[in-house]
Amino acid sequence: MSPQQEAELTTYRDSLNPADLARRIAEPQERLLVLAKDKTEHLYLASFPSALPDVRRGIRVQAS
C-alpha cells in the first residue's frame, strides 16, 4: 500500500464515529424487527380458528 493510500485510509478511519454508525445501523434493524414481528403475529393468529364470525363475509341470522 502506498503512503498516500495509507494516509487516505487513516483519515477515513479517523473520521468515523462508532456511536453514529451504531445508531444508523440500529434504526433499520429496529424497523425490520417491527415488520417481522407484525408478520409473525399475523401468521400465528391465522393458525387459530376464530371464535368470532368472519365479518368480511357478513353476519347471517336465521329468519324467524
N, C-alpha and C. Protein backbone atom coordinates (compact mmCIF):
# COMPACT_ATOMS: atom_id res chain seq x y z
N MET A 1 0.86 -1.15 0.00
CA MET A 1 0.00 0.00 0.00
C MET A 1 0.92 1.24 0.00
N SER A 2 0.55 2.18 -0.82
CA SER A 2 1.39 3.38 -0.92
C SER A 2 1.16 4.28 0.31
N PRO A 3 2.10 5.14 0.62
CA PRO A 3 1.91 6.06 1.74
C PRO A 3 0.68 6.96 1.57
N GLN A 4 0.37 7.31 0.32
CA GLN A 4 -0.82 8.14 0.07
C GLN A 4 -2.09 7.35 0.41
N GLN A 5 -2.16 6.09 -0.01
CA GLN A 5 -3.32 5.26 0.30
C GLN A 5 -3.46 5.07 1.81
N GLU A 6 -2.34 4.85 2.46
CA GLU A 6 -2.38 4.67 3.91
C GLU A 6 -2.88 5.94 4.60
N ALA A 7 -2.42 7.09 4.12
CA ALA A 7 -2.86 8.37 4.69
C ALA A 7 -4.36 8.57 4.47
N GLU A 8 -4.86 8.22 3.27
CA GLU A 8 -6.30 8.35 2.97
C GLU A 8 -7.12 7.44 3.88
N LEU A 9 -6.67 6.21 4.06
CA LEU A 9 -7.40 5.29 4.92
C LEU A 9 -7.36 5.72 6.38
N THR A 10 -6.23 6.25 6.81
CA THR A 10 -6.12 6.74 8.19
C THR A 10 -7.07 7.92 8.41
N THR A 11 -7.12 8.82 7.44
CA THR A 11 -8.03 9.97 7.53
C THR A 11 -9.48 9.50 7.56
N TYR A 12 -9.80 8.53 6.72
CA TYR A 12 -11.16 7.98 6.70
C TYR A 12 -11.50 7.33 8.03
N ARG A 13 -10.58 6.51 8.55
CA ARG A 13 -10.81 5.83 9.83
C ARG A 13 -11.03 6.85 10.94
N ASP A 14 -10.23 7.89 10.94
CA ASP A 14 -10.35 8.90 11.99
C ASP A 14 -11.64 9.70 11.89
N SER A 15 -12.24 9.73 10.71
CA SER A 15 -13.49 10.48 10.53
C SER A 15 -14.72 9.68 10.96
N LEU A 16 -14.55 8.39 11.15
CA LEU A 16 -15.68 7.54 11.53
C LEU A 16 -16.07 7.77 12.98
N ASN A 17 -17.38 7.74 13.22
CA ASN A 17 -17.91 7.89 14.57
C ASN A 17 -18.65 6.59 14.89
N PRO A 18 -18.07 5.74 15.72
CA PRO A 18 -18.69 4.45 16.01
C PRO A 18 -20.11 4.56 16.59
N ALA A 19 -20.34 5.55 17.43
CA ALA A 19 -21.68 5.72 18.02
C ALA A 19 -22.69 6.09 16.94
N ASP A 20 -22.31 6.97 16.02
CA ASP A 20 -23.20 7.35 14.94
C ASP A 20 -23.47 6.17 14.01
N LEU A 21 -22.43 5.41 13.70
CA LEU A 21 -22.61 4.23 12.86
C LEU A 21 -23.56 3.23 13.52
N ALA A 22 -23.40 3.03 14.81
CA ALA A 22 -24.27 2.09 15.53
C ALA A 22 -25.72 2.56 15.47
N ARG A 23 -25.96 3.86 15.65
CA ARG A 23 -27.33 4.39 15.57
C ARG A 23 -27.89 4.22 14.17
N ARG A 24 -27.08 4.50 13.16
CA ARG A 24 -27.55 4.39 11.78
C ARG A 24 -27.85 2.94 11.40
N ILE A 25 -27.16 2.00 11.99
CA ILE A 25 -27.43 0.58 11.75
C ILE A 25 -28.64 0.13 12.55
N ALA A 26 -28.76 0.61 13.78
CA ALA A 26 -29.84 0.17 14.67
C ALA A 26 -31.22 0.60 14.19
N GLU A 27 -31.33 1.77 13.57
CA GLU A 27 -32.64 2.26 13.12
C GLU A 27 -33.29 1.31 12.11
N PRO A 28 -32.63 0.94 11.01
CA PRO A 28 -33.28 0.00 10.09
C PRO A 28 -33.47 -1.39 10.71
N GLN A 29 -32.55 -1.80 11.60
CA GLN A 29 -32.73 -3.09 12.26
C GLN A 29 -34.01 -3.09 13.09
N GLU A 30 -34.25 -2.00 13.82
CA GLU A 30 -35.46 -1.90 14.63
C GLU A 30 -36.71 -1.96 13.76
N ARG A 31 -36.67 -1.26 12.64
CA ARG A 31 -37.81 -1.28 11.71
C ARG A 31 -38.05 -2.68 11.18
N LEU A 32 -36.98 -3.38 10.83
CA LEU A 32 -37.12 -4.76 10.34
C LEU A 32 -37.70 -5.67 11.41
N LEU A 33 -37.28 -5.47 12.65
CA LEU A 33 -37.84 -6.28 13.75
C LEU A 33 -39.32 -6.03 13.91
N VAL A 34 -39.75 -4.78 13.81
CA VAL A 34 -41.17 -4.45 13.93
C VAL A 34 -41.96 -5.10 12.80
N LEU A 35 -41.44 -4.98 11.58
CA LEU A 35 -42.13 -5.58 10.43
C LEU A 35 -42.21 -7.10 10.55
N ALA A 36 -41.13 -7.72 10.99
CA ALA A 36 -41.12 -9.18 11.15
C ALA A 36 -42.06 -9.60 12.27
N LYS A 37 -42.10 -8.82 13.35
CA LYS A 37 -42.98 -9.15 14.48
C LYS A 37 -44.44 -9.11 14.05
N ASP A 38 -44.82 -8.05 13.32
CA ASP A 38 -46.20 -7.95 12.85
C ASP A 38 -46.57 -9.12 11.95
N LYS A 39 -45.68 -9.45 11.03
CA LYS A 39 -45.94 -10.56 10.11
C LYS A 39 -46.05 -11.88 10.87
N THR A 40 -45.14 -12.09 11.83
CA THR A 40 -45.16 -13.32 12.61
C THR A 40 -46.43 -13.42 13.44
N GLU A 41 -46.86 -12.31 14.04
CA GLU A 41 -48.09 -12.32 14.83
C GLU A 41 -49.29 -12.64 13.96
N HIS A 42 -49.34 -12.06 12.75
CA HIS A 42 -50.45 -12.35 11.86
C HIS A 42 -50.48 -13.83 11.46
N LEU A 43 -49.33 -14.38 11.16
CA LEU A 43 -49.27 -15.80 10.81
C LEU A 43 -49.67 -16.67 12.00
N TYR A 44 -49.22 -16.30 13.19
CA TYR A 44 -49.54 -17.06 14.39
C TYR A 44 -51.05 -17.01 14.65
N LEU A 45 -51.62 -15.82 14.59
CA LEU A 45 -53.05 -15.69 14.86
C LEU A 45 -53.89 -16.37 13.77
N ALA A 46 -53.41 -16.37 12.55
CA ALA A 46 -54.15 -17.01 11.45
C ALA A 46 -54.18 -18.52 11.61
N SER A 47 -53.28 -19.07 12.40
CA SER A 47 -53.26 -20.52 12.56
C SER A 47 -54.35 -21.02 13.52
N PHE A 48 -54.99 -20.10 14.23
CA PHE A 48 -56.06 -20.48 15.15
C PHE A 48 -57.41 -20.12 14.56
N PRO A 49 -58.38 -21.02 14.65
CA PRO A 49 -59.72 -20.65 14.18
C PRO A 49 -60.31 -19.61 15.12
N SER A 50 -61.00 -18.69 14.55
CA SER A 50 -61.58 -17.61 15.34
C SER A 50 -62.91 -18.05 15.94
N ALA A 51 -63.17 -17.61 17.16
CA ALA A 51 -64.45 -17.87 17.80
C ALA A 51 -65.49 -16.87 17.33
N LEU A 52 -65.04 -15.82 16.67
CA LEU A 52 -65.95 -14.79 16.19
C LEU A 52 -66.27 -15.04 14.72
N PRO A 53 -67.44 -14.56 14.28
CA PRO A 53 -67.78 -14.74 12.86
C PRO A 53 -66.85 -13.91 11.98
N ASP A 54 -66.69 -14.35 10.77
CA ASP A 54 -65.89 -13.61 9.81
C ASP A 54 -66.73 -12.46 9.28
N VAL A 55 -66.50 -11.27 9.78
CA VAL A 55 -67.33 -10.12 9.42
C VAL A 55 -67.12 -9.69 7.98
N ARG A 56 -66.07 -10.15 7.35
CA ARG A 56 -65.87 -9.80 5.95
C ARG A 56 -66.90 -10.49 5.06
N ARG A 57 -67.45 -11.60 5.53
CA ARG A 57 -68.45 -12.33 4.76
C ARG A 57 -69.86 -11.95 5.18
N GLY A 58 -69.98 -11.09 6.18
CA GLY A 58 -71.30 -10.68 6.66
C GLY A 58 -71.76 -11.59 7.78
N ILE A 59 -72.74 -11.13 8.49
CA ILE A 59 -73.29 -11.91 9.61
C ILE A 59 -74.64 -12.44 9.16
N ARG A 60 -74.82 -13.71 9.33
CA ARG A 60 -76.07 -14.33 8.90
C ARG A 60 -76.87 -14.71 10.15
N VAL A 61 -78.12 -14.38 10.10
CA VAL A 61 -79.04 -14.73 11.19
C VAL A 61 -80.18 -15.53 10.60
N GLN A 62 -80.72 -16.41 11.43
CA GLN A 62 -81.84 -17.20 10.96
C GLN A 62 -83.11 -16.36 11.03
N ALA A 63 -83.92 -16.47 9.98
CA ALA A 63 -85.21 -15.78 9.97
C ALA A 63 -86.18 -16.54 10.85
N SER A 64 -86.99 -15.81 11.56
CA SER A 64 -87.96 -16.50 12.44
C SER A 64 -89.29 -16.67 11.80
